[in-house]
Amino acid sequence: MDYLLHLQKDKKLAKVLKEPLPLLQMRQNIPVRLMASIMSQQLSTKVAKVIYNRFLEIFGGEEPEPGLVLDTPFETLRGIGLSNAKVNYVQNVARFCLEHEITDTKLLSLSNEDIISLLTQIKGVGKWTVEMLLMFTLGREDVFAVDDLGIQQAMIKVYKIASEDKKAVKEKMLKISSKWAPYRTYACLHLWNWKDAPVVAE
């Protein structure tokens, strides 16, 4: 794996690089993926999956176009287990995608920075949400989620970063991660895996 050879140059990161991870894949229907990521915010993966499946059931098990989501009554969306705020945010995504003619083709032609600038205009969609979309839906290899709590916790441990000053932590993280380009997404994936792995006594 090219990315592993590159990331192993960072000796501290090399300690958390286990076996190679599957290469990132692109997934279709980006507007629906964005809605799904809003639905899953602050929920466990298991609960998020249940709610997303209920969402698909509204549309006969198929992924809906943004127009169909907008035509769905508020109470129907609320009934699948979404809060009022999340229903509003999901509708905001659908409306924005229609008004700005957001398609997979359009987004694929844009840089990471341009996609973040475009989609964070939607109320309820923050930078972290778009970064997850870039990683897991668009399959972009060079995304660094500096605001992700799991990445912060992992890097504080691996690099022994003093954690009192949040701003200083992020600055240090950005400086360290710059060496990982153009494979920063893979570094994040390994850090998440390492953080969540069971502890084995040495």
N, C-alpha and C. Protein backbone atom coordinates (compact mmCIF):
# COMPACT_ATOMS: atom_id res chain seq x y z
N MET A 1 0.85 -1.21 0.00
CA MET A 1 0.00 0.00 0.00
C MET A 1 0.87 1.25 0.00
N ASP A 2 0.69 2.09 -1.00
CA ASP A 2 1.47 3.32 -1.09
C ASP A 2 1.28 4.20 0.14
N TYR A 3 0.04 4.27 0.59
CA TYR A 3 -0.24 5.19 1.70
C TYR A 3 0.47 4.74 2.98
N LEU A 4 0.55 3.43 3.19
CA LEU A 4 1.22 2.93 4.40
C LEU A 4 2.70 3.29 4.40
N LEU A 5 3.35 3.11 3.27
CA LEU A 5 4.78 3.45 3.16
C LEU A 5 5.00 4.91 3.48
N HIS A 6 4.11 5.74 2.98
CA HIS A 6 4.23 7.19 3.21
C HIS A 6 3.99 7.52 4.69
N LEU A 7 2.93 6.97 5.27
CA LEU A 7 2.58 7.30 6.66
C LEU A 7 3.58 6.73 7.67
N GLN A 8 4.24 5.64 7.30
CA GLN A 8 5.21 5.03 8.22
C GLN A 8 6.46 5.90 8.43
N LYS A 9 6.61 6.91 7.60
CA LYS A 9 7.74 7.84 7.78
C LYS A 9 7.60 8.59 9.11
N ASP A 10 6.35 8.72 9.57
CA ASP A 10 6.09 9.33 10.88
C ASP A 10 6.20 8.19 11.90
N LYS A 11 7.30 8.16 12.63
CA LYS A 11 7.60 7.02 13.51
C LYS A 11 6.55 6.82 14.61
N LYS A 12 5.99 7.92 15.10
CA LYS A 12 4.96 7.78 16.15
C LYS A 12 3.67 7.22 15.56
N LEU A 13 3.30 7.73 14.39
CA LEU A 13 2.09 7.22 13.73
C LEU A 13 2.28 5.76 13.32
N ALA A 14 3.50 5.41 12.94
CA ALA A 14 3.79 4.02 12.49
C ALA A 14 3.37 3.00 13.54
N LYS A 15 3.42 3.38 14.82
CA LYS A 15 3.05 2.44 15.89
C LYS A 15 1.57 2.07 15.87
N VAL A 16 0.74 2.94 15.29
CA VAL A 16 -0.71 2.64 15.26
C VAL A 16 -1.16 2.10 13.90
N LEU A 17 -0.24 2.03 12.96
CA LEU A 17 -0.58 1.50 11.64
C LEU A 17 -0.50 -0.02 11.67
N LYS A 18 -1.65 -0.66 11.76
CA LYS A 18 -1.67 -2.12 11.77
C LYS A 18 -1.76 -2.58 10.31
N GLU A 19 -2.61 -3.58 10.07
CA GLU A 19 -2.75 -4.07 8.69
C GLU A 19 -3.40 -3.00 7.81
N PRO A 20 -3.14 -3.04 6.49
CA PRO A 20 -3.74 -2.04 5.59
C PRO A 20 -5.26 -2.06 5.67
N LEU A 21 -5.84 -0.90 5.52
CA LEU A 21 -7.30 -0.79 5.52
C LEU A 21 -7.80 -0.88 4.08
N PRO A 22 -9.07 -1.25 3.88
CA PRO A 22 -9.61 -1.26 2.52
C PRO A 22 -9.51 0.15 1.92
N LEU A 23 -9.26 0.20 0.63
CA LEU A 23 -9.17 1.51 -0.02
C LEU A 23 -10.53 2.20 0.02
N LEU A 24 -10.50 3.52 0.10
CA LEU A 24 -11.74 4.31 0.15
C LEU A 24 -12.54 4.11 -1.13
N GLN A 25 -13.84 4.04 -0.94
CA GLN A 25 -14.75 3.87 -2.08
C GLN A 25 -15.64 5.09 -2.22
N MET A 26 -16.04 5.35 -3.46
CA MET A 26 -17.02 6.41 -3.69
C MET A 26 -18.41 5.83 -3.63
N ARG A 27 -19.30 6.53 -2.96
CA ARG A 27 -20.70 6.08 -2.90
C ARG A 27 -21.58 7.09 -3.62
N GLN A 28 -22.66 6.59 -4.18
CA GLN A 28 -23.53 7.46 -4.98
C GLN A 28 -24.60 8.14 -4.12
N ASN A 29 -25.28 9.09 -4.76
CA ASN A 29 -26.40 9.82 -4.14
C ASN A 29 -25.94 10.62 -2.93
N ILE A 30 -25.05 11.56 -3.19
CA ILE A 30 -24.43 12.36 -2.12
C ILE A 30 -25.47 13.15 -1.30
N PRO A 31 -26.51 13.76 -1.91
CA PRO A 31 -27.50 14.47 -1.08
C PRO A 31 -28.12 13.57 0.00
N VAL A 32 -28.45 12.33 -0.35
CA VAL A 32 -29.04 11.41 0.64
C VAL A 32 -28.01 11.03 1.71
N ARG A 33 -26.75 10.85 1.29
CA ARG A 33 -25.68 10.54 2.27
C ARG A 33 -25.55 11.67 3.29
N LEU A 34 -25.70 12.91 2.80
CA LEU A 34 -25.60 14.07 3.69
C LEU A 34 -26.77 14.08 4.68
N MET A 35 -27.96 13.76 4.19
CA MET A 35 -29.12 13.66 5.09
C MET A 35 -28.89 12.57 6.13
N ALA A 36 -28.34 11.44 5.70
CA ALA A 36 -28.09 10.32 6.62
C ALA A 36 -27.09 10.71 7.70
N SER A 37 -26.08 11.50 7.33
CA SER A 37 -25.09 11.89 8.33
C SER A 37 -25.70 12.84 9.37
N ILE A 38 -26.66 13.67 8.95
CA ILE A 38 -27.37 14.53 9.92
C ILE A 38 -28.21 13.66 10.86
N MET A 39 -28.90 12.69 10.29
CA MET A 39 -29.73 11.80 11.12
C MET A 39 -28.89 11.08 12.18
N SER A 40 -27.63 10.75 11.83
CA SER A 40 -26.80 9.93 12.72
C SER A 40 -26.04 10.73 13.77
N GLN A 41 -26.10 12.06 13.68
CA GLN A 41 -25.33 12.89 14.63
C GLN A 41 -25.74 12.58 16.07
N GLN A 42 -24.74 12.39 16.93
CA GLN A 42 -24.93 12.15 18.37
C GLN A 42 -25.70 10.86 18.68
N LEU A 43 -25.70 9.92 17.73
CA LEU A 43 -26.35 8.63 17.95
C LEU A 43 -25.32 7.52 17.78
N SER A 44 -25.59 6.38 18.42
CA SER A 44 -24.72 5.22 18.18
C SER A 44 -24.95 4.74 16.74
N THR A 45 -23.99 4.02 16.21
CA THR A 45 -24.09 3.50 14.84
C THR A 45 -25.35 2.64 14.69
N LYS A 46 -25.62 1.84 15.73
CA LYS A 46 -26.77 0.92 15.69
C LYS A 46 -28.09 1.69 15.58
N VAL A 47 -28.27 2.69 16.44
CA VAL A 47 -29.51 3.48 16.43
C VAL A 47 -29.63 4.26 15.13
N ALA A 48 -28.52 4.81 14.67
CA ALA A 48 -28.52 5.59 13.42
C ALA A 48 -28.98 4.73 12.25
N LYS A 49 -28.55 3.47 12.25
CA LYS A 49 -28.92 2.56 11.16
C LYS A 49 -30.43 2.29 11.17
N VAL A 50 -30.98 2.08 12.38
CA VAL A 50 -32.42 1.83 12.52
C VAL A 50 -33.21 3.02 11.97
N ILE A 51 -32.81 4.23 12.35
CA ILE A 51 -33.53 5.44 11.91
C ILE A 51 -33.40 5.62 10.39
N TYR A 52 -32.21 5.37 9.86
CA TYR A 52 -32.03 5.52 8.41
C TYR A 52 -32.88 4.50 7.65
N ASN A 53 -32.98 3.27 8.18
CA ASN A 53 -33.82 2.26 7.52
C ASN A 53 -35.29 2.66 7.56
N ARG A 54 -35.71 3.26 8.67
CA ARG A 54 -37.11 3.77 8.75
C ARG A 54 -37.33 4.88 7.72
N PHE A 55 -36.31 5.71 7.56
CA PHE A 55 -36.37 6.80 6.57
C PHE A 55 -36.58 6.21 5.17
N LEU A 56 -35.81 5.18 4.82
CA LEU A 56 -35.95 4.55 3.49
C LEU A 56 -37.32 3.90 3.32
N GLU A 57 -37.86 3.35 4.41
CA GLU A 57 -39.17 2.69 4.35
C GLU A 57 -40.27 3.65 3.91
N ILE A 58 -40.12 4.93 4.28
CA ILE A 58 -41.10 5.95 3.85
C ILE A 58 -41.18 5.97 2.33
N PHE A 59 -40.04 5.69 1.68
CA PHE A 59 -39.96 5.79 0.21
C PHE A 59 -39.87 4.41 -0.45
N GLY A 60 -40.51 3.43 0.21
CA GLY A 60 -40.56 2.09 -0.37
C GLY A 60 -39.21 1.39 -0.41
N GLY A 61 -38.32 1.78 0.50
CA GLY A 61 -37.01 1.13 0.58
C GLY A 61 -35.98 1.71 -0.39
N GLU A 62 -36.39 2.70 -1.18
CA GLU A 62 -35.47 3.31 -2.15
C GLU A 62 -34.91 4.62 -1.60
N GLU A 63 -33.72 5.00 -2.08
CA GLU A 63 -33.16 6.31 -1.70
C GLU A 63 -33.91 7.40 -2.46
N PRO A 64 -34.49 8.36 -1.74
CA PRO A 64 -35.33 9.36 -2.41
C PRO A 64 -34.53 10.50 -3.05
N GLU A 65 -35.13 11.13 -4.04
CA GLU A 65 -34.60 12.39 -4.58
C GLU A 65 -34.94 13.49 -3.57
N PRO A 66 -34.16 14.60 -3.56
CA PRO A 66 -34.45 15.69 -2.61
C PRO A 66 -35.88 16.21 -2.67
N GLY A 67 -36.46 16.26 -3.87
CA GLY A 67 -37.84 16.75 -4.01
C GLY A 67 -38.84 15.91 -3.24
N LEU A 68 -38.65 14.60 -3.25
CA LEU A 68 -39.54 13.69 -2.52
C LEU A 68 -39.45 13.92 -1.02
N VAL A 69 -38.23 14.19 -0.54
CA VAL A 69 -38.03 14.44 0.90
C VAL A 69 -38.77 15.71 1.30
N LEU A 70 -38.66 16.73 0.46
CA LEU A 70 -39.34 18.00 0.77
C LEU A 70 -40.86 17.85 0.76
N ASP A 71 -41.36 16.94 -0.07
CA ASP A 71 -42.82 16.73 -0.16
C ASP A 71 -43.36 15.86 0.99
N THR A 72 -42.44 15.28 1.77
CA THR A 72 -42.86 14.40 2.87
C THR A 72 -43.28 15.25 4.07
N PRO A 73 -44.47 14.99 4.64
CA PRO A 73 -44.92 15.79 5.79
C PRO A 73 -43.91 15.76 6.95
N PHE A 74 -43.79 16.89 7.61
CA PHE A 74 -42.88 17.05 8.75
C PHE A 74 -43.11 15.94 9.78
N GLU A 75 -44.39 15.68 10.09
CA GLU A 75 -44.72 14.69 11.13
C GLU A 75 -44.30 13.28 10.74
N THR A 76 -44.31 12.99 9.43
CA THR A 76 -43.88 11.65 8.96
C THR A 76 -42.39 11.47 9.25
N LEU A 77 -41.61 12.50 8.97
CA LEU A 77 -40.17 12.43 9.24
C LEU A 77 -39.91 12.41 10.75
N ARG A 78 -40.71 13.17 11.46
CA ARG A 78 -40.57 13.20 12.92
C ARG A 78 -40.85 11.82 13.50
N GLY A 79 -41.79 11.10 12.86
CA GLY A 79 -42.24 9.80 13.36
C GLY A 79 -41.21 8.68 13.27
N ILE A 80 -40.11 8.89 12.52
CA ILE A 80 -39.10 7.82 12.43
C ILE A 80 -38.08 7.92 13.56
N GLY A 81 -38.25 8.95 14.42
CA GLY A 81 -37.35 9.08 15.57
C GLY A 81 -36.40 10.26 15.47
N LEU A 82 -36.71 11.19 14.56
CA LEU A 82 -35.87 12.39 14.44
C LEU A 82 -36.41 13.51 15.32
N SER A 83 -35.51 14.32 15.86
CA SER A 83 -35.95 15.50 16.62
C SER A 83 -36.47 16.55 15.64
N ASN A 84 -37.18 17.54 16.17
CA ASN A 84 -37.67 18.64 15.32
C ASN A 84 -36.51 19.30 14.58
N ALA A 85 -35.41 19.52 15.30
CA ALA A 85 -34.25 20.18 14.69
C ALA A 85 -33.70 19.35 13.54
N LYS A 86 -33.59 18.04 13.75
CA LYS A 86 -33.03 17.19 12.69
C LYS A 86 -33.93 17.13 11.46
N VAL A 87 -35.25 17.11 11.69
CA VAL A 87 -36.17 17.14 10.54
C VAL A 87 -35.94 18.43 9.74
N ASN A 88 -35.83 19.55 10.45
CA ASN A 88 -35.57 20.82 9.76
C ASN A 88 -34.26 20.77 8.98
N TYR A 89 -33.22 20.19 9.59
CA TYR A 89 -31.91 20.13 8.92
C TYR A 89 -31.95 19.23 7.69
N VAL A 90 -32.65 18.10 7.80
CA VAL A 90 -32.78 17.19 6.65
C VAL A 90 -33.52 17.91 5.51
N GLN A 91 -34.59 18.64 5.87
CA GLN A 91 -35.32 19.40 4.85
C GLN A 91 -34.46 20.53 4.27
N ASN A 92 -33.62 21.14 5.12
CA ASN A 92 -32.70 22.17 4.63
C ASN A 92 -31.76 21.61 3.57
N VAL A 93 -31.25 20.40 3.82
CA VAL A 93 -30.36 19.75 2.85
C VAL A 93 -31.09 19.52 1.53
N ALA A 94 -32.31 18.96 1.63
CA ALA A 94 -33.09 18.67 0.42
C ALA A 94 -33.36 19.96 -0.37
N ARG A 95 -33.75 21.00 0.35
CA ARG A 95 -34.07 22.29 -0.31
C ARG A 95 -32.82 22.88 -0.98
N PHE A 96 -31.70 22.88 -0.27
CA PHE A 96 -30.44 23.43 -0.78
C PHE A 96 -29.99 22.66 -2.03
N CYS A 97 -30.10 21.33 -1.97
CA CYS A 97 -29.66 20.51 -3.10
C CYS A 97 -30.51 20.77 -4.34
N LEU A 98 -31.80 21.03 -4.12
CA LEU A 98 -32.68 21.36 -5.25
C LEU A 98 -32.35 22.74 -5.80
N GLU A 99 -32.25 23.71 -4.89
CA GLU A 99 -32.02 25.11 -5.33
C GLU A 99 -30.67 25.28 -6.01
N HIS A 100 -29.67 24.55 -5.55
CA HIS A 100 -28.31 24.70 -6.10
C HIS A 100 -27.94 23.58 -7.07
N GLU A 101 -28.97 22.78 -7.42
CA GLU A 101 -28.76 21.67 -8.37
C GLU A 101 -27.54 20.83 -8.00
N ILE A 102 -27.52 20.42 -6.71
CA ILE A 102 -26.40 19.60 -6.21
C ILE A 102 -26.57 18.17 -6.72
N THR A 103 -25.62 17.72 -7.48
CA THR A 103 -25.61 16.33 -7.97
C THR A 103 -24.25 15.72 -7.66
N ASP A 104 -24.17 14.41 -7.77
CA ASP A 104 -22.89 13.73 -7.56
C ASP A 104 -21.85 14.30 -8.53
N THR A 105 -22.24 14.45 -9.79
CA THR A 105 -21.31 14.93 -10.83
C THR A 105 -20.77 16.31 -10.49
N LYS A 106 -21.67 17.19 -10.02
CA LYS A 106 -21.25 18.55 -9.69
C LYS A 106 -20.24 18.55 -8.53
N LEU A 107 -20.55 17.77 -7.48
CA LEU A 107 -19.66 17.75 -6.31
C LEU A 107 -18.31 17.11 -6.63
N LEU A 108 -18.33 16.08 -7.46
CA LEU A 108 -17.07 15.39 -7.78
C LEU A 108 -16.08 16.28 -8.51
N SER A 109 -16.61 17.32 -9.15
CA SER A 109 -15.73 18.22 -9.91
C SER A 109 -15.09 19.29 -9.02
N LEU A 110 -15.53 19.37 -7.75
CA LEU A 110 -15.05 20.42 -6.85
C LEU A 110 -13.93 19.91 -5.94
N SER A 111 -13.10 20.85 -5.46
CA SER A 111 -12.05 20.51 -4.49
C SER A 111 -12.68 20.32 -3.11
N ASN A 112 -11.93 19.70 -2.19
CA ASN A 112 -12.41 19.51 -0.82
C ASN A 112 -12.84 20.84 -0.20
N GLU A 113 -12.01 21.87 -0.36
CA GLU A 113 -12.28 23.18 0.24
C GLU A 113 -13.56 23.78 -0.33
N ASP A 114 -13.75 23.63 -1.65
CA ASP A 114 -14.95 24.19 -2.29
C ASP A 114 -16.21 23.47 -1.83
N ILE A 115 -16.11 22.16 -1.63
CA ILE A 115 -17.27 21.40 -1.15
C ILE A 115 -17.63 21.81 0.27
N ILE A 116 -16.60 22.00 1.11
CA ILE A 116 -16.85 22.45 2.50
C ILE A 116 -17.51 23.82 2.48
N SER A 117 -16.98 24.74 1.68
CA SER A 117 -17.56 26.10 1.60
C SER A 117 -19.01 26.07 1.12
N LEU A 118 -19.29 25.20 0.14
CA LEU A 118 -20.64 25.12 -0.44
C LEU A 118 -21.63 24.53 0.56
N LEU A 119 -21.31 23.38 1.11
CA LEU A 119 -22.30 22.65 1.91
C LEU A 119 -22.47 23.18 3.32
N THR A 120 -21.46 23.88 3.86
CA THR A 120 -21.63 24.45 5.21
C THR A 120 -22.53 25.69 5.19
N GLN A 121 -22.97 26.08 4.00
CA GLN A 121 -23.98 27.15 3.93
C GLN A 121 -25.34 26.64 4.43
N ILE A 122 -25.51 25.32 4.45
CA ILE A 122 -26.78 24.72 4.86
C ILE A 122 -26.87 24.74 6.39
N LYS A 123 -27.96 25.30 6.91
CA LYS A 123 -28.13 25.33 8.37
C LYS A 123 -28.27 23.90 8.89
N GLY A 124 -27.40 23.54 9.85
CA GLY A 124 -27.41 22.19 10.38
C GLY A 124 -26.27 21.33 9.86
N VAL A 125 -25.54 21.87 8.87
CA VAL A 125 -24.40 21.13 8.31
C VAL A 125 -23.11 21.87 8.67
N GLY A 126 -22.31 21.26 9.53
CA GLY A 126 -21.05 21.87 9.93
C GLY A 126 -19.87 21.29 9.17
N LYS A 127 -18.72 21.84 9.44
CA LYS A 127 -17.50 21.41 8.73
C LYS A 127 -17.21 19.93 8.96
N TRP A 128 -17.38 19.46 10.20
CA TRP A 128 -17.11 18.06 10.51
C TRP A 128 -18.00 17.14 9.67
N THR A 129 -19.28 17.49 9.56
CA THR A 129 -20.22 16.67 8.77
C THR A 129 -19.76 16.55 7.33
N VAL A 130 -19.30 17.67 6.76
CA VAL A 130 -18.84 17.65 5.36
C VAL A 130 -17.53 16.87 5.25
N GLU A 131 -16.68 16.98 6.24
CA GLU A 131 -15.42 16.20 6.22
C GLU A 131 -15.71 14.70 6.21
N MET A 132 -16.70 14.27 7.00
CA MET A 132 -17.08 12.85 7.01
C MET A 132 -17.64 12.44 5.64
N LEU A 133 -18.39 13.34 5.02
CA LEU A 133 -18.92 13.09 3.68
C LEU A 133 -17.79 12.95 2.67
N LEU A 134 -16.80 13.82 2.77
CA LEU A 134 -15.64 13.77 1.87
C LEU A 134 -14.92 12.43 2.02
N MET A 135 -14.75 11.99 3.27
CA MET A 135 -14.03 10.74 3.52
C MET A 135 -14.82 9.51 3.07
N PHE A 136 -16.05 9.42 3.57
CA PHE A 136 -16.78 8.16 3.47
C PHE A 136 -17.74 8.06 2.29
N THR A 137 -18.05 9.18 1.66
CA THR A 137 -18.94 9.14 0.50
C THR A 137 -18.19 9.47 -0.79
N LEU A 138 -17.36 10.50 -0.73
CA LEU A 138 -16.62 10.86 -1.94
C LEU A 138 -15.27 10.15 -2.05
N GLY A 139 -14.88 9.46 -0.97
CA GLY A 139 -13.65 8.68 -1.02
C GLY A 139 -12.40 9.53 -1.19
N ARG A 140 -12.41 10.75 -0.65
CA ARG A 140 -11.24 11.63 -0.77
C ARG A 140 -10.16 11.18 0.22
N GLU A 141 -8.94 11.04 -0.26
CA GLU A 141 -7.86 10.44 0.55
C GLU A 141 -7.14 11.44 1.45
N ASP A 142 -7.35 12.73 1.22
CA ASP A 142 -6.53 13.71 1.95
C ASP A 142 -7.38 14.69 2.76
N VAL A 143 -8.16 14.14 3.70
CA VAL A 143 -9.01 14.97 4.56
C VAL A 143 -8.55 14.77 6.00
N PHE A 144 -8.40 15.87 6.73
CA PHE A 144 -8.01 15.76 8.14
C PHE A 144 -9.07 16.42 9.01
N ALA A 145 -9.70 15.62 9.87
CA ALA A 145 -10.81 16.10 10.70
C ALA A 145 -10.28 16.60 12.05
N VAL A 146 -9.75 17.82 12.05
CA VAL A 146 -9.10 18.35 13.26
C VAL A 146 -10.08 18.52 14.42
N ASP A 147 -11.38 18.70 14.11
CA ASP A 147 -12.38 18.92 15.17
C ASP A 147 -12.97 17.63 15.72
N ASP A 148 -12.59 16.50 15.14
CA ASP A 148 -13.16 15.23 15.59
C ASP A 148 -12.58 14.84 16.95
N LEU A 149 -13.46 14.57 17.89
CA LEU A 149 -13.04 14.27 19.27
C LEU A 149 -12.16 13.02 19.33
N GLY A 150 -12.54 11.99 18.57
CA GLY A 150 -11.76 10.75 18.57
C GLY A 150 -10.35 10.96 18.05
N ILE A 151 -10.21 11.75 17.00
CA ILE A 151 -8.88 12.04 16.43
C ILE A 151 -8.07 12.85 17.44
N GLN A 152 -8.72 13.81 18.08
CA GLN A 152 -8.03 14.63 19.09
C GLN A 152 -7.51 13.73 20.22
N GLN A 153 -8.38 12.86 20.74
CA GLN A 153 -7.99 11.99 21.87
C GLN A 153 -6.84 11.06 21.46
N ALA A 154 -6.92 10.51 20.26
CA ALA A 154 -5.88 9.58 19.79
C ALA A 154 -4.54 10.30 19.63
N MET A 155 -4.57 11.49 19.03
CA MET A 155 -3.31 12.21 18.79
C MET A 155 -2.69 12.74 20.07
N ILE A 156 -3.53 13.13 21.02
CA ILE A 156 -3.02 13.58 22.33
C ILE A 156 -2.23 12.44 22.99
N LYS A 157 -2.74 11.20 22.86
CA LYS A 157 -2.04 10.05 23.44
C LYS A 157 -0.79 9.68 22.65
N VAL A 158 -0.94 9.56 21.33
CA VAL A 158 0.17 9.08 20.49
C VAL A 158 1.34 10.07 20.50
N TYR A 159 1.00 11.38 20.46
CA TYR A 159 2.06 12.40 20.34
C TYR A 159 2.35 13.11 21.67
N LYS A 160 1.67 12.63 22.73
CA LYS A 160 1.85 13.22 24.07
C LYS A 160 1.70 14.75 24.02
N ILE A 161 0.59 15.19 23.44
CA ILE A 161 0.30 16.63 23.32
C ILE A 161 -0.35 17.09 24.62
N ALA A 162 0.12 18.20 25.17
CA ALA A 162 -0.52 18.79 26.36
C ALA A 162 -1.92 19.23 25.96
N SER A 163 -2.93 18.79 26.74
CA SER A 163 -4.32 18.96 26.29
C SER A 163 -5.07 20.13 26.94
N GLU A 164 -4.37 20.96 27.72
CA GLU A 164 -5.08 22.03 28.44
C GLU A 164 -5.63 23.11 27.49
N ASP A 165 -4.84 23.47 26.49
CA ASP A 165 -5.21 24.58 25.60
C ASP A 165 -5.74 23.99 24.28
N LYS A 166 -7.08 24.07 24.10
CA LYS A 166 -7.72 23.46 22.92
C LYS A 166 -7.15 24.00 21.61
N LYS A 167 -6.95 25.33 21.58
CA LYS A 167 -6.46 25.96 20.35
C LYS A 167 -5.04 25.45 20.02
N ALA A 168 -4.21 25.37 21.04
CA ALA A 168 -2.84 24.90 20.84
C ALA A 168 -2.82 23.43 20.40
N VAL A 169 -3.76 22.64 20.93
CA VAL A 169 -3.86 21.22 20.54
C VAL A 169 -4.14 21.13 19.03
N LYS A 170 -5.11 21.90 18.58
CA LYS A 170 -5.48 21.85 17.16
C LYS A 170 -4.34 22.34 16.26
N GLU A 171 -3.65 23.37 16.70
CA GLU A 171 -2.51 23.88 15.90
C GLU A 171 -1.44 22.81 15.78
N LYS A 172 -1.17 22.13 16.89
CA LYS A 172 -0.16 21.06 16.89
C LYS A 172 -0.61 19.90 15.99
N MET A 173 -1.89 19.55 16.09
CA MET A 173 -2.44 18.47 15.27
C MET A 173 -2.30 18.78 13.78
N LEU A 174 -2.63 20.02 13.41
CA LEU A 174 -2.54 20.42 12.00
C LEU A 174 -1.09 20.36 11.50
N LYS A 175 -0.19 20.78 12.36
CA LYS A 175 1.24 20.76 11.99
C LYS A 175 1.72 19.32 11.78
N ILE A 176 1.36 18.44 12.70
CA ILE A 176 1.76 17.03 12.59
C ILE A 176 1.14 16.40 11.34
N SER A 177 -0.16 16.68 11.13
CA SER A 177 -0.88 16.02 10.03
C SER A 177 -0.42 16.48 8.65
N SER A 178 0.19 17.65 8.59
CA SER A 178 0.64 18.15 7.28
C SER A 178 1.64 17.19 6.64
N LYS A 179 2.37 16.44 7.48
CA LYS A 179 3.36 15.48 6.97
C LYS A 179 2.68 14.26 6.33
N TRP A 180 1.42 14.04 6.68
CA TRP A 180 0.72 12.85 6.18
C TRP A 180 0.13 13.04 4.78
N ALA A 181 0.02 14.30 4.33
CA ALA A 181 -0.56 14.56 3.00
C ALA A 181 0.25 13.78 1.96
N PRO A 182 -0.38 13.21 0.92
CA PRO A 182 -1.79 13.33 0.52
C PRO A 182 -2.68 12.17 1.01
N TYR A 183 -2.36 11.61 2.19
CA TYR A 183 -3.11 10.44 2.68
C TYR A 183 -3.66 10.67 4.08
N ARG A 184 -4.09 11.89 4.37
CA ARG A 184 -4.52 12.19 5.73
C ARG A 184 -5.77 11.43 6.16
N THR A 185 -6.65 11.13 5.20
CA THR A 185 -7.86 10.35 5.55
C THR A 185 -7.48 9.00 6.12
N TYR A 186 -6.51 8.33 5.47
CA TYR A 186 -6.10 7.01 5.96
C TYR A 186 -5.48 7.10 7.35
N ALA A 187 -4.73 8.17 7.60
CA ALA A 187 -4.16 8.36 8.94
C ALA A 187 -5.30 8.48 9.97
N CYS A 188 -6.35 9.24 9.63
CA CYS A 188 -7.50 9.38 10.54
C CYS A 188 -8.15 8.02 10.79
N LEU A 189 -8.33 7.23 9.74
CA LEU A 189 -8.97 5.92 9.88
C LEU A 189 -8.16 5.03 10.83
N HIS A 190 -6.85 5.03 10.68
CA HIS A 190 -6.00 4.23 11.57
C HIS A 190 -6.06 4.74 13.01
N LEU A 191 -6.10 6.05 13.18
CA LEU A 191 -6.18 6.61 14.53
C LEU A 191 -7.50 6.24 15.20
N TRP A 192 -8.59 6.31 14.45
CA TRP A 192 -9.89 5.89 15.00
C TRP A 192 -9.85 4.42 15.41
N ASN A 193 -9.33 3.58 14.52
CA ASN A 193 -9.27 2.13 14.80
C ASN A 193 -8.42 1.84 16.03
N TRP A 194 -7.29 2.54 16.12
CA TRP A 194 -6.38 2.33 17.24
C TRP A 194 -7.05 2.75 18.55
N LYS A 195 -7.74 3.89 18.52
CA LYS A 195 -8.40 4.39 19.72
C LYS A 195 -9.49 3.43 20.19
N ASP A 196 -10.19 2.82 19.24
CA ASP A 196 -11.33 1.95 19.60
C ASP A 196 -10.94 0.49 19.82
N ALA A 197 -9.67 0.17 19.55
CA ALA A 197 -9.25 -1.24 19.70
C ALA A 197 -9.15 -1.61 21.16
N PRO A 198 -9.47 -2.87 21.49
CA PRO A 198 -9.33 -3.30 22.89
C PRO A 198 -7.87 -3.26 23.33
N VAL A 199 -7.65 -2.92 24.57
CA VAL A 199 -6.27 -2.81 25.09
C VAL A 199 -5.73 -4.22 25.35
N VAL A 200 -4.53 -4.45 24.83
CA VAL A 200 -3.89 -5.76 25.05
C VAL A 200 -2.67 -5.52 25.97
N ALA A 201 -2.59 -6.29 27.03
CA ALA A 201 -1.46 -6.12 27.96
C ALA A 201 -0.17 -6.54 27.27
N GLU A 202 0.87 -5.74 27.46
CA GLU A 202 2.15 -6.06 26.82
C GLU A 202 3.00 -6.92 27.74
